[in-house]
Amino acid sequence: MEPEDREPGLGSRLRAAGRPSIGLAFIAVGVIIAVVAIAVGGGVPGGDGDGGSSSGNAEGSVEECRTVDRRFTVRRSARVTVSFTDRRPISATARGTATAVLPDGSGEITVTATASRGATLAARASVPKTASATAPARGRGRACAFGQTPAEAAAKARAGALARARRMAERRAGPIAAAQAKELATARAREDAERRARERVDRAARERAPELEAEAQRAADRSAQAEADRRAANG
Protein backbone atom coordinates (compact mmCIF):
# COMPACT_ATOMS: atom_id res chain seq x y z
CA MET A 1 0.00 0.00 0.00
CA GLU A 2 1.55 3.30 -1.16
CA PRO A 3 1.66 6.26 1.19
CA GLU A 4 -0.87 8.97 0.64
CA ASP A 5 0.34 12.49 -0.56
CA ARG A 6 -0.42 15.28 1.87
CA GLU A 7 -0.90 18.96 1.07
CA PRO A 8 1.90 21.13 2.61
CA GLY A 9 0.97 22.98 5.72
CA LEU A 10 0.67 26.74 6.11
CA GLY A 11 4.03 27.07 7.96
CA SER A 12 5.95 25.25 5.19
CA ARG A 13 4.37 27.41 2.52
CA LEU A 14 5.33 30.66 4.34
CA ARG A 15 8.95 29.52 4.87
CA ALA A 16 9.33 28.62 1.20
CA ALA A 17 7.91 31.95 0.11
CA GLY A 18 10.14 33.96 2.49
CA ARG A 19 13.54 32.60 1.47
CA PRO A 20 13.99 34.73 -1.73
CA SER A 21 12.85 37.90 0.09
CA ILE A 22 15.42 37.48 2.86
CA GLY A 23 18.28 37.04 0.32
CA LEU A 24 17.29 40.18 -1.52
CA ALA A 25 17.16 42.08 1.76
CA PHE A 26 20.74 41.10 2.65
CA ILE A 27 21.99 42.17 -0.80
CA ALA A 28 20.25 45.55 -0.46
CA VAL A 29 21.83 46.14 2.97
CA GLY A 30 25.29 45.32 1.56
CA VAL A 31 24.86 47.79 -1.28
CA ILE A 32 23.80 50.54 1.14
CA ILE A 33 26.87 49.95 3.38
CA ALA A 34 29.21 50.14 0.38
CA VAL A 35 27.67 53.40 -0.83
CA VAL A 36 27.97 54.94 2.66
CA ALA A 37 31.63 53.90 2.92
CA ILE A 38 32.46 55.54 -0.42
CA ALA A 39 30.61 58.72 0.55
CA VAL A 40 32.52 58.99 3.84
CA GLY A 41 35.75 59.09 1.80
CA GLY A 42 38.23 56.27 2.17
CA GLY A 43 40.84 58.10 0.00
CA VAL A 44 44.37 56.86 -0.68
CA PRO A 45 47.31 59.18 0.21
CA GLY A 46 49.48 60.32 -2.67
CA GLY A 47 52.41 62.65 -3.60
CA ASP A 48 52.98 65.55 -5.94
CA GLY A 49 56.15 64.31 -7.60
CA ASP A 50 58.80 66.09 -5.52
CA GLY A 51 59.07 63.75 -2.61
CA GLY A 52 56.10 65.27 -0.76
CA SER A 53 53.22 63.31 0.62
CA SER A 54 49.61 64.25 1.33
CA SER A 55 46.94 62.92 3.65
CA GLY A 56 43.42 63.97 4.60
CA ASN A 57 41.66 64.52 7.88
CA ALA A 58 38.09 64.77 9.09
CA GLU A 59 37.93 68.47 8.27
CA GLY A 60 38.89 67.94 4.64
CA SER A 61 42.40 69.56 4.79
CA VAL A 62 45.52 67.91 3.36
CA GLU A 63 49.08 67.62 4.63
CA GLU A 64 52.18 68.17 2.47
CA CYS A 65 55.88 67.73 3.37
CA ARG A 66 58.81 69.41 1.65
CA THR A 67 62.63 69.31 1.94
CA VAL A 68 64.89 72.27 1.03
CA ASP A 69 68.66 72.13 0.52
CA ARG A 70 70.10 75.54 -0.34
CA ARG A 71 73.19 77.73 -0.08
CA PHE A 72 72.86 80.91 2.00
CA THR A 73 75.02 83.97 2.62
CA VAL A 74 75.07 84.80 6.32
CA ARG A 75 75.84 88.36 7.42
CA ARG A 76 76.98 89.40 10.88
CA SER A 77 77.99 92.74 12.41
CA ALA A 78 80.39 93.52 15.23
CA ARG A 79 81.02 96.67 17.26
CA VAL A 80 84.30 97.21 19.09
CA THR A 81 86.07 100.06 20.86
CA VAL A 82 89.85 100.33 20.58
CA SER A 83 92.01 102.64 22.71
CA PHE A 84 95.52 103.79 21.84
CA THR A 85 97.97 106.02 23.70
CA ASP A 86 100.68 107.90 21.85
CA ARG A 87 103.71 109.16 23.84
CA ARG A 88 106.33 111.52 22.53
CA PRO A 89 109.32 113.22 24.20
CA ILE A 90 109.92 116.88 23.33
CA SER A 91 112.77 119.17 24.37
CA ALA A 92 113.99 122.75 24.08
CA THR A 93 117.54 124.18 24.39
CA ALA A 94 118.41 127.82 25.06
CA ARG A 95 121.60 129.84 25.39
CA GLY A 96 122.04 132.52 28.03
CA THR A 97 124.69 135.23 28.45
CA ALA A 98 125.49 137.17 31.64
CA THR A 99 128.09 139.78 32.64
CA ALA A 100 129.57 140.45 36.09
CA VAL A 101 131.89 143.37 37.11
CA LEU A 102 135.12 142.60 38.91
CA PRO A 103 135.19 143.86 42.49
CA ASP A 104 138.22 146.16 41.89
CA GLY A 105 136.53 147.78 38.93
CA SER A 106 139.21 146.72 36.57
CA GLY A 107 136.84 145.08 34.18
CA GLU A 108 134.01 142.62 33.80
CA ILE A 109 133.47 138.97 33.03
CA THR A 110 130.99 137.65 30.48
CA VAL A 111 129.78 134.08 30.68
CA THR A 112 127.61 132.09 28.29
CA ALA A 113 125.65 129.08 29.43
CA THR A 114 123.16 126.67 27.89
CA ALA A 115 120.17 124.91 29.44
CA SER A 116 117.71 122.28 28.26
CA ARG A 117 114.23 121.42 29.31
CA GLY A 118 112.30 118.34 28.27
CA ALA A 119 108.91 116.71 28.70
CA THR A 120 107.05 113.61 27.59
CA LEU A 121 103.64 114.21 26.10
CA ALA A 122 100.92 111.55 26.04
CA ALA A 123 97.55 111.51 24.36
CA ARG A 124 94.93 108.80 24.42
CA ALA A 125 92.13 108.16 21.92
CA SER A 126 89.28 105.65 22.09
CA VAL A 127 87.44 104.91 18.86
CA PRO A 128 84.29 102.77 18.44
CA LYS A 129 83.79 101.05 15.12
CA THR A 130 81.14 98.82 13.57
CA ALA A 131 81.83 96.49 10.65
CA SER A 132 79.96 93.72 8.81
CA ALA A 133 81.14 90.53 7.14
CA THR A 134 79.55 87.62 5.30
CA ALA A 135 80.18 83.88 5.13
CA PRO A 136 78.50 81.22 2.93
CA ALA A 137 77.01 77.93 4.15
CA ARG A 138 74.58 75.25 3.02
CA GLY A 139 71.47 74.44 4.99
CA ARG A 140 68.96 71.62 4.77
CA GLY A 141 65.49 71.62 6.30
CA ARG A 142 62.28 69.60 6.14
CA ALA A 143 58.77 70.62 7.22
CA CYS A 144 55.17 69.45 6.91
CA ALA A 145 52.05 71.63 6.87
CA PHE A 146 48.28 71.40 6.45
CA GLY A 147 46.20 73.34 3.93
CA GLN A 148 42.79 73.36 2.35
CA THR A 149 44.40 72.46 -0.99
CA PRO A 150 47.60 70.57 -1.87
CA ALA A 151 49.10 73.77 -3.32
CA GLU A 152 48.42 75.72 -0.12
CA ALA A 153 49.84 72.96 2.07
CA ALA A 154 52.91 72.63 -0.18
CA ALA A 155 53.60 76.38 -0.02
CA LYS A 156 53.42 76.37 3.78
CA ALA A 157 55.64 73.29 4.03
CA ARG A 158 58.20 74.80 1.65
CA ALA A 159 58.32 78.02 3.67
CA GLY A 160 58.86 76.08 6.88
CA ALA A 161 61.59 73.95 5.32
CA LEU A 162 63.31 77.06 3.97
CA ALA A 163 63.29 78.67 7.43
CA ARG A 164 64.83 75.57 8.98
CA ALA A 165 67.50 75.40 6.27
CA ARG A 166 68.35 79.06 6.86
CA ARG A 167 68.69 78.49 10.60
CA MET A 168 71.06 75.60 9.95
CA ALA A 169 73.20 77.75 7.65
CA GLU A 170 73.26 80.53 10.24
CA ARG A 171 74.47 78.12 12.91
CA ARG A 172 77.28 77.01 10.64
CA ALA A 173 78.40 80.32 9.14
CA GLY A 174 77.29 82.79 11.81
CA PRO A 175 80.38 82.43 14.06
CA ILE A 176 82.71 82.74 11.05
CA ALA A 177 81.03 85.92 9.82
CA ALA A 178 80.98 87.38 13.35
CA ALA A 179 84.70 86.75 13.83
CA GLN A 180 85.54 88.35 10.50
CA ALA A 181 83.36 91.36 11.31
CA LYS A 182 85.08 91.80 14.68
CA GLU A 183 88.53 91.56 13.10
CA LEU A 184 87.63 94.14 10.47
CA ALA A 185 86.10 96.53 13.02
CA THR A 186 89.15 96.18 15.27
CA ALA A 187 91.58 96.97 12.46
CA ARG A 188 89.63 100.06 11.45
CA ALA A 189 89.23 101.26 15.02
CA ARG A 190 92.94 100.79 15.77
CA GLU A 191 93.94 102.77 12.69
CA ASP A 192 91.65 105.66 13.64
CA ALA A 193 92.69 105.57 17.31
CA GLU A 194 96.39 105.77 16.42
CA ARG A 195 95.78 108.63 14.02
CA ARG A 196 93.71 110.61 16.53
CA ALA A 197 96.25 110.04 19.31
CA ARG A 198 99.09 111.29 17.10
CA GLU A 199 97.08 114.36 16.16
CA ARG A 200 96.47 115.13 19.83
CA VAL A 201 100.16 114.77 20.65
CA ASP A 202 101.08 117.07 17.78
CA ARG A 203 98.63 119.67 19.03
CA ALA A 204 99.94 119.35 22.59
CA ALA A 205 103.53 119.70 21.38
CA ARG A 206 102.74 122.89 19.50
CA GLU A 207 101.05 124.31 22.57
CA ARG A 208 103.81 123.24 24.98
CA ALA A 209 106.85 124.16 22.86
CA PRO A 210 106.87 127.95 23.56
CA GLU A 211 106.49 127.35 27.27
CA LEU A 212 109.28 124.79 27.24
CA GLU A 213 111.58 127.10 25.31
CA ALA A 214 110.90 129.91 27.79
CA GLU A 215 111.72 127.64 30.69
CA ALA A 216 115.01 126.67 29.05
CA GLN A 217 115.88 130.29 28.35
CA ARG A 218 115.30 131.33 31.96
CA ALA A 219 117.40 128.45 33.17
CA ALA A 220 120.24 129.35 30.78
CA ASP A 221 120.17 132.98 31.88
CA ARG A 222 120.24 132.04 35.56
CA SER A 223 123.05 129.63 35.00
CA ALA A 224 125.12 132.19 33.06
CA GLN A 225 124.60 134.88 35.67
CA ALA A 226 125.52 132.60 38.53
CA GLU A 227 128.69 131.53 36.77
CA ALA A 228 129.63 135.13 35.93
CA ASP A 229 129.16 136.23 39.54
CA ARG A 230 131.22 133.32 40.80
CA ARG A 231 134.11 134.07 38.45
CA ALA A 232 134.03 137.76 39.23
CA ALA A 233 134.13 137.07 42.96
CA ASN A 234 137.11 134.77 42.53
CA GLY A 235 138.84 136.95 40.01
C-alpha atoms as a PDB file:
ATOM      1  CA  MET A   1       0.000   0.000   0.000  1.00  0.00           C
ATOM      2  CA  GLU A   2       1.555   3.304  -1.157  1.00  0.00           C
ATOM      3  CA  PRO A   3       1.661   6.262   1.194  1.00  0.00           C
ATOM      4  CA  GLU A   4      -0.868   8.973   0.640  1.00  0.00           C
ATOM      5  CA  ASP A   5       0.336  12.492  -0.556  1.00  0.00           C
ATOM      6  CA  ARG A   6      -0.420  15.279   1.868  1.00  0.00           C
ATOM      7  CA  GLU A   7      -0.895  18.961   1.066  1.00  0.00           C
ATOM      8  CA  PRO A   8       1.905  21.134   2.611  1.00  0.00           C
ATOM      9  CA  GLY A   9       0.966  22.980   5.721  1.00  0.00           C
ATOM     10  CA  LEU A  10       0.671  26.737   6.107  1.00  0.00           C
ATOM     11  CA  GLY A  11       4.035  27.072   7.956  1.00  0.00           C
ATOM     12  CA  SER A  12       5.946  25.251   5.188  1.00  0.00           C
ATOM     13  CA  ARG A  13       4.372  27.415   2.521  1.00  0.00           C
ATOM     14  CA  LEU A  14       5.332  30.658   4.344  1.00  0.00           C
ATOM     15  CA  ARG A  15       8.951  29.521   4.874  1.00  0.00           C
ATOM     16  CA  ALA A  16       9.334  28.622   1.197  1.00  0.00           C
ATOM     17  CA  ALA A  17       7.907  31.946   0.109  1.00  0.00           C
ATOM     18  CA  GLY A  18      10.136  33.964   2.491  1.00  0.00           C
ATOM     19  CA  ARG A  19      13.539  32.595   1.468  1.00  0.00           C
ATOM     20  CA  PRO A  20      13.988  34.726  -1.727  1.00  0.00           C
ATOM     21  CA  SER A  21      12.849  37.901   0.087  1.00  0.00           C
ATOM     22  CA  ILE A  22      15.424  37.478   2.860  1.00  0.00           C
ATOM     23  CA  GLY A  23      18.276  37.045   0.317  1.00  0.00           C
ATOM     24  CA  LEU A  24      17.286  40.183  -1.519  1.00  0.00           C
ATOM     25  CA  ALA A  25      17.155  42.084   1.763  1.00  0.00           C
ATOM     26  CA  PHE A  26      20.741  41.096   2.648  1.00  0.00           C
ATOM     27  CA  ILE A  27      21.986  42.170  -0.804  1.00  0.00           C
ATOM     28  CA  ALA A  28      20.250  45.554  -0.463  1.00  0.00           C
ATOM     29  CA  VAL A  29      21.834  46.141   2.973  1.00  0.00           C
ATOM     30  CA  GLY A  30      25.287  45.320   1.564  1.00  0.00           C
ATOM     31  CA  VAL A  31      24.865  47.792  -1.279  1.00  0.00           C
ATOM     32  CA  ILE A  32      23.799  50.543   1.144  1.00  0.00           C
ATOM     33  CA  ILE A  33      26.867  49.950   3.382  1.00  0.00           C
ATOM     34  CA  ALA A  34      29.210  50.136   0.384  1.00  0.00           C
ATOM     35  CA  VAL A  35      27.670  53.396  -0.829  1.00  0.00           C
ATOM     36  CA  VAL A  36      27.966  54.942   2.655  1.00  0.00           C
ATOM     37  CA  ALA A  37      31.631  53.900   2.923  1.00  0.00           C
ATOM     38  CA  ILE A  38      32.458  55.542  -0.421  1.00  0.00           C
ATOM     39  CA  ALA A  39      30.610  58.715   0.551  1.00  0.00           C
ATOM     40  CA  VAL A  40      32.522  58.990   3.840  1.00  0.00           C
ATOM     41  CA  GLY A  41      35.748  59.087   1.801  1.00  0.00           C
ATOM     42  CA  GLY A  42      38.226  56.271   2.175  1.00  0.00           C
ATOM     43  CA  GLY A  43      40.841  58.095   0.002  1.00  0.00           C
ATOM     44  CA  VAL A  44      44.368  56.862  -0.684  1.00  0.00           C
ATOM     45  CA  PRO A  45      47.311  59.177   0.214  1.00  0.00           C
ATOM     46  CA  GLY A  46      49.475  60.315  -2.673  1.00  0.00           C
ATOM     47  CA  GLY A  47      52.406  62.646  -3.600  1.00  0.00           C
ATOM     48  CA  ASP A  48      52.976  65.551  -5.943  1.00  0.00           C
ATOM     49  CA  GLY A  49      56.152  64.310  -7.597  1.00  0.00           C
ATOM     50  CA  ASP A  50      58.800  66.093  -5.523  1.00  0.00           C
ATOM     51  CA  GLY A  51      59.071  63.754  -2.607  1.00  0.00           C
ATOM     52  CA  GLY A  52      56.098  65.273  -0.758  1.00  0.00           C
ATOM     53  CA  SER A  53      53.219  63.312   0.625  1.00  0.00           C
ATOM     54  CA  SER A  54      49.611  64.250   1.332  1.00  0.00           C
ATOM     55  CA  SER A  55      46.938  62.920   3.648  1.00  0.00           C
ATOM     56  CA  GLY A  56      43.419  63.966   4.598  1.00  0.00           C
ATOM     57  CA  ASN A  57      41.658  64.516   7.878  1.00  0.00           C
ATOM     58  CA  ALA A  58      38.090  64.767   9.088  1.00  0.00           C
ATOM     59  CA  GLU A  59      37.925  68.469   8.266  1.00  0.00           C
ATOM     60  CA  GLY A  60      38.895  67.943   4.638  1.00  0.00           C
ATOM     61  CA  SER A  61      42.402  69.563   4.791  1.00  0.00           C
ATOM     62  CA  VAL A  62      45.520  67.912   3.359  1.00  0.00           C
ATOM     63  CA  GLU A  63      49.080  67.617   4.630  1.00  0.00           C
ATOM     64  CA  GLU A  64      52.176  68.169   2.475  1.00  0.00           C
ATOM     65  CA  CYS A  65      55.878  67.725   3.371  1.00  0.00           C
ATOM     66  CA  ARG A  66      58.809  69.410   1.652  1.00  0.00           C
ATOM     67  CA  THR A  67      62.628  69.310   1.935  1.00  0.00           C
ATOM     68  CA  VAL A  68      64.887  72.271   1.031  1.00  0.00           C
ATOM     69  CA  ASP A  69      68.663  72.125   0.518  1.00  0.00           C
ATOM     70  CA  ARG A  70      70.099  75.536  -0.337  1.00  0.00           C
ATOM     71  CA  ARG A  71      73.191  77.730  -0.085  1.00  0.00           C
ATOM     72  CA  PHE A  72      72.859  80.906   2.002  1.00  0.00           C
ATOM     73  CA  THR A  73      75.017  83.966   2.620  1.00  0.00           C
ATOM     74  CA  VAL A  74      75.065  84.799   6.317  1.00  0.00           C
ATOM     75  CA  ARG A  75      75.842  88.361   7.415  1.00  0.00           C
ATOM     76  CA  ARG A  76      76.982  89.399  10.879  1.00  0.00           C
ATOM     77  CA  SER A  77      77.993  92.742  12.411  1.00  0.00           C
ATOM     78  CA  ALA A  78      80.395  93.523  15.231  1.00  0.00           C
ATOM     79  CA  ARG A  79      81.019  96.666  17.262  1.00  0.00           C
ATOM     80  CA  VAL A  80      84.303  97.210  19.092  1.00  0.00           C
ATOM     81  CA  THR A  81      86.068 100.056  20.864  1.00  0.00           C
ATOM     82  CA  VAL A  82      89.845 100.333  20.581  1.00  0.00           C
ATOM     83  CA  SER A  83      92.014 102.636  22.707  1.00  0.00           C
ATOM     84  CA  PHE A  84      95.517 103.794  21.836  1.00  0.00           C
ATOM     85  CA  THR A  85      97.965 106.020  23.703  1.00  0.00           C
ATOM     86  CA  ASP A  86     100.681 107.899  21.851  1.00  0.00           C
ATOM     87  CA  ARG A  87     103.708 109.164  23.841  1.00  0.00           C
ATOM     88  CA  ARG A  88     106.329 111.522  22.529  1.00  0.00           C
ATOM     89  CA  PRO A  89     109.315 113.216  24.201  1.00  0.00           C
ATOM     90  CA  ILE A  90     109.919 116.876  23.332  1.00  0.00           C
ATOM     91  CA  SER A  91     112.768 119.168  24.368  1.00  0.00           C
ATOM     92  CA  ALA A  92     113.993 122.748  24.077  1.00  0.00           C
ATOM     93  CA  THR A  93     117.540 124.176  24.391  1.00  0.00           C
ATOM     94  CA  ALA A  94     118.409 127.820  25.060  1.00  0.00           C
ATOM     95  CA  ARG A  95     121.596 129.843  25.394  1.00  0.00           C
ATOM     96  CA  GLY A  96     122.040 132.522  28.031  1.00  0.00           C
ATOM     97  CA  THR A  97     124.695 135.234  28.448  1.00  0.00           C
ATOM     98  CA  ALA A  98     125.490 137.175  31.641  1.00  0.00           C
ATOM     99  CA  THR A  99     128.089 139.784  32.643  1.00  0.00           C
ATOM    100  CA  ALA A 100     129.567 140.451  36.091  1.00  0.00           C
ATOM    101  CA  VAL A 101     131.887 143.372  37.113  1.00  0.00           C
ATOM    102  CA  LEU A 102     135.118 142.596  38.906  1.00  0.00           C
ATOM    103  CA  PRO A 103     135.188 143.864  42.492  1.00  0.00           C
ATOM    104  CA  ASP A 104     138.223 146.163  41.887  1.00  0.00           C
ATOM    105  CA  GLY A 105     136.530 147.782  38.933  1.00  0.00           C
ATOM    106  CA  SER A 106     139.213 146.719  36.567  1.00  0.00           C
ATOM    107  CA  GLY A 107     136.841 145.082  34.179  1.00  0.00           C
ATOM    108  CA  GLU A 108     134.014 142.617  33.797  1.00  0.00           C
ATOM    109  CA  ILE A 109     133.473 138.971  33.030  1.00  0.00           C
ATOM    110  CA  THR A 110     130.991 137.655  30.485  1.00  0.00           C
ATOM    111  CA  VAL A 111     129.780 134.078  30.682  1.00  0.00           C
ATOM    112  CA  THR A 112     127.609 132.094  28.286  1.00  0.00           C
ATOM    113  CA  ALA A 113     125.655 129.084  29.430  1.00  0.00           C
ATOM    114  CA  THR A 114     123.159 126.672  27.893  1.00  0.00           C
ATOM    115  CA  ALA A 115     120.174 124.905  29.435  1.00  0.00           C
ATOM    116  CA  SER A 116     117.711 122.281  28.261  1.00  0.00           C
ATOM    117  CA  ARG A 117     114.225 121.422  29.315  1.00  0.00           C
ATOM    118  CA  GLY A 118     112.297 118.337  28.275  1.00  0.00           C
ATOM    119  CA  ALA A 119     108.914 116.707  28.701  1.00  0.00           C
ATOM    120  CA  THR A 120     107.054 113.610  27.590  1.00  0.00           C
ATOM    121  CA  LEU A 121     103.645 114.208  26.100  1.00  0.00           C
ATOM    122  CA  ALA A 122     100.921 111.552  26.038  1.00  0.00           C
ATOM    123  CA  ALA A 123      97.547 111.508  24.356  1.00  0.00           C
ATOM    124  CA  ARG A 124      94.927 108.798  24.421  1.00  0.00           C
ATOM    125  CA  ALA A 125      92.134 108.158  21.915  1.00  0.00           C
ATOM    126  CA  SER A 126      89.280 105.648  22.092  1.00  0.00           C
ATOM    127  CA  VAL A 127      87.440 104.907  18.862  1.00  0.00           C
ATOM    128  CA  PRO A 128      84.287 102.774  18.445  1.00  0.00           C
ATOM    129  CA  LYS A 129      83.789 101.052  15.123  1.00  0.00           C
ATOM    130  CA  THR A 130      81.141  98.822  13.571  1.00  0.00           C
ATOM    131  CA  ALA A 131      81.833  96.488  10.651  1.00  0.00           C
ATOM    132  CA  SER A 132      79.961  93.722   8.813  1.00  0.00           C
ATOM    133  CA  ALA A 133      81.137  90.530   7.143  1.00  0.00           C
ATOM    134  CA  THR A 134      79.548  87.618   5.299  1.00  0.00           C
ATOM    135  CA  ALA A 135      80.184  83.876   5.128  1.00  0.00           C
ATOM    136  CA  PRO A 136      78.499  81.222   2.931  1.00  0.00           C
ATOM    137  CA  ALA A 137      77.008  77.931   4.151  1.00  0.00           C
ATOM    138  CA  ARG A 138      74.585  75.254   3.018  1.00  0.00           C
ATOM    139  CA  GLY A 139      71.471  74.444   4.994  1.00  0.00           C
ATOM    140  CA  ARG A 140      68.956  71.618   4.774  1.00  0.00           C
ATOM    141  CA  GLY A 141      65.488  71.615   6.303  1.00  0.00           C
ATOM    142  CA  ARG A 142      62.275  69.601   6.140  1.00  0.00           C
ATOM    143  CA  ALA A 143      58.774  70.619   7.221  1.00  0.00           C
ATOM    144  CA  CYS A 144      55.167  69.453   6.914  1.00  0.00           C
ATOM    145  CA  ALA A 145      52.052  71.629   6.872  1.00  0.00           C
ATOM    146  CA  PHE A 146      48.279  71.399   6.452  1.00  0.00           C
ATOM    147  CA  GLY A 147      46.200  73.344   3.934  1.00  0.00           C
ATOM    148  CA  GLN A 148      42.788  73.356   2.355  1.00  0.00           C
ATOM    149  CA  THR A 149      44.398  72.462  -0.992  1.00  0.00           C
ATOM    150  CA  PRO A 150      47.597  70.574  -1.873  1.00  0.00           C
ATOM    151  CA  ALA A 151      49.098  73.766  -3.323  1.00  0.00           C
ATOM    152  CA  GLU A 152      48.418  75.721  -0.124  1.00  0.00           C
ATOM    153  CA  ALA A 153      49.835  72.958   2.070  1.00  0.00           C
ATOM    154  CA  ALA A 154      52.910  72.627  -0.184  1.00  0.00           C
ATOM    155  CA  ALA A 155      53.600  76.375  -0.019  1.00  0.00           C
ATOM    156  CA  LYS A 156      53.424  76.368   3.781  1.00  0.00           C
ATOM    157  CA  ALA A 157      55.643  73.292   4.026  1.00  0.00           C
ATOM    158  CA  ARG A 158      58.201  74.800   1.646  1.00  0.00           C
ATOM    159  CA  ALA A 159      58.322  78.017   3.674  1.00  0.00           C
ATOM    160  CA  GLY A 160      58.861  76.078   6.881  1.00  0.00           C
ATOM    161  CA  ALA A 161      61.594  73.947   5.322  1.00  0.00           C
ATOM    162  CA  LEU A 162      63.313  77.064   3.969  1.00  0.00           C
ATOM    163  CA  ALA A 163      63.287  78.675   7.433  1.00  0.00           C
ATOM    164  CA  ARG A 164      64.835  75.572   8.980  1.00  0.00           C
ATOM    165  CA  ALA A 165      67.495  75.399   6.272  1.00  0.00           C
ATOM    166  CA  ARG A 166      68.353  79.055   6.859  1.00  0.00           C
ATOM    167  CA  ARG A 167      68.694  78.487  10.604  1.00  0.00           C
ATOM    168  CA  MET A 168      71.060  75.597   9.954  1.00  0.00           C
ATOM    169  CA  ALA A 169      73.196  77.749   7.651  1.00  0.00           C
ATOM    170  CA  GLU A 170      73.260  80.532  10.240  1.00  0.00           C
ATOM    171  CA  ARG A 171      74.470  78.125  12.913  1.00  0.00           C
ATOM    172  CA  ARG A 172      77.279  77.014  10.637  1.00  0.00           C
ATOM    173  CA  ALA A 173      78.396  80.317   9.140  1.00  0.00           C
ATOM    174  CA  GLY A 174      77.289  82.790  11.815  1.00  0.00           C
ATOM    175  CA  PRO A 175      80.377  82.426  14.057  1.00  0.00           C
ATOM    176  CA  ILE A 176      82.712  82.738  11.052  1.00  0.00           C
ATOM    177  CA  ALA A 177      81.034  85.923   9.815  1.00  0.00           C
ATOM    178  CA  ALA A 178      80.975  87.377  13.351  1.00  0.00           C
ATOM    179  CA  ALA A 179      84.700  86.746  13.831  1.00  0.00           C
ATOM    180  CA  GLN A 180      85.538  88.352  10.498  1.00  0.00           C
ATOM    181  CA  ALA A 181      83.362  91.362  11.309  1.00  0.00           C
ATOM    182  CA  LYS A 182      85.084  91.802  14.675  1.00  0.00           C
ATOM    183  CA  GLU A 183      88.525  91.561  13.096  1.00  0.00           C
ATOM    184  CA  LEU A 184      87.631  94.141  10.469  1.00  0.00           C
ATOM    185  CA  ALA A 185      86.097  96.525  13.019  1.00  0.00           C
ATOM    186  CA  THR A 186      89.150  96.180  15.268  1.00  0.00           C
ATOM    187  CA  ALA A 187      91.576  96.968  12.465  1.00  0.00           C
ATOM    188  CA  ARG A 188      89.629 100.063  11.447  1.00  0.00           C
ATOM    189  CA  ALA A 189      89.235 101.260  15.023  1.00  0.00           C
ATOM    190  CA  ARG A 190      92.944 100.787  15.773  1.00  0.00           C
ATOM    191  CA  GLU A 191      93.940 102.770  12.695  1.00  0.00           C
ATOM    192  CA  ASP A 192      91.649 105.656  13.638  1.00  0.00           C
ATOM    193  CA  ALA A 193      92.690 105.567  17.310  1.00  0.00           C
ATOM    194  CA  GLU A 194      96.385 105.772  16.421  1.00  0.00           C
ATOM    195  CA  ARG A 195      95.775 108.633  14.017  1.00  0.00           C
ATOM    196  CA  ARG A 196      93.713 110.608  16.530  1.00  0.00           C
ATOM    197  CA  ALA A 197      96.251 110.037  19.309  1.00  0.00           C
ATOM    198  CA  ARG A 198      99.091 111.290  17.096  1.00  0.00           C
ATOM    199  CA  GLU A 199      97.083 114.358  16.164  1.00  0.00           C
ATOM    200  CA  ARG A 200      96.473 115.128  19.831  1.00  0.00           C
ATOM    201  CA  VAL A 201     100.161 114.765  20.654  1.00  0.00           C
ATOM    202  CA  ASP A 202     101.081 117.068  17.777  1.00  0.00           C
ATOM    203  CA  ARG A 203      98.628 119.667  19.031  1.00  0.00           C
ATOM    204  CA  ALA A 204      99.937 119.352  22.590  1.00  0.00           C
ATOM    205  CA  ALA A 205     103.531 119.699  21.380  1.00  0.00           C
ATOM    206  CA  ARG A 206     102.743 122.886  19.503  1.00  0.00           C
ATOM    207  CA  GLU A 207     101.046 124.313  22.568  1.00  0.00           C
ATOM    208  CA  ARG A 208     103.805 123.243  24.977  1.00  0.00           C
ATOM    209  CA  ALA A 209     106.854 124.157  22.857  1.00  0.00           C
ATOM    210  CA  PRO A 210     106.867 127.954  23.557  1.00  0.00           C
ATOM    211  CA  GLU A 211     106.486 127.346  27.273  1.00  0.00           C
ATOM    212  CA  LEU A 212     109.278 124.786  27.239  1.00  0.00           C
ATOM    213  CA  GLU A 213     111.585 127.102  25.306  1.00  0.00           C
ATOM    214  CA  ALA A 214     110.895 129.914  27.791  1.00  0.00           C
ATOM    215  CA  GLU A 215     111.723 127.636  30.691  1.00  0.00           C
ATOM    216  CA  ALA A 216     115.015 126.665  29.048  1.00  0.00           C
ATOM    217  CA  GLN A 217     115.883 130.293  28.354  1.00  0.00           C
ATOM    218  CA  ARG A 218     115.302 131.328  31.958  1.00  0.00           C
ATOM    219  CA  ALA A 219     117.397 128.450  33.166  1.00  0.00           C
ATOM    220  CA  ALA A 220     120.235 129.351  30.777  1.00  0.00           C
ATOM    221  CA  ASP A 221     120.173 132.984  31.878  1.00  0.00           C
ATOM    222  CA  ARG A 222     120.240 132.041  35.562  1.00  0.00           C
ATOM    223  CA  SER A 223     123.054 129.626  34.997  1.00  0.00           C
ATOM    224  CA  ALA A 224     125.121 132.188  33.060  1.00  0.00           C
ATOM    225  CA  GLN A 225     124.604 134.883  35.674  1.00  0.00           C
ATOM    226  CA  ALA A 226     125.523 132.602  38.534  1.00  0.00           C
ATOM    227  CA  GLU A 227     128.688 131.528  36.768  1.00  0.00           C
ATOM    228  CA  ALA A 228     129.631 135.132  35.926  1.00  0.00           C
ATOM    229  CA  ASP A 229     129.158 136.226  39.543  1.00  0.00           C
ATOM    230  CA  ARG A 230     131.221 133.325  40.798  1.00  0.00           C
ATOM    231  CA  ARG A 231     134.106 134.075  38.452  1.00  0.00           C
ATOM    232  CA  ALA A 232     134.029 137.760  39.228  1.00  0.00           C
ATOM    233  CA  ALA A 233     134.131 137.070  42.964  1.00  0.00           C
ATOM    234  CA  ASN A 234     137.107 134.769  42.528  1.00  0.00           C
ATOM    235  CA  GLY A 235     138.837 136.948  40.010  1.00  0.00           C
END
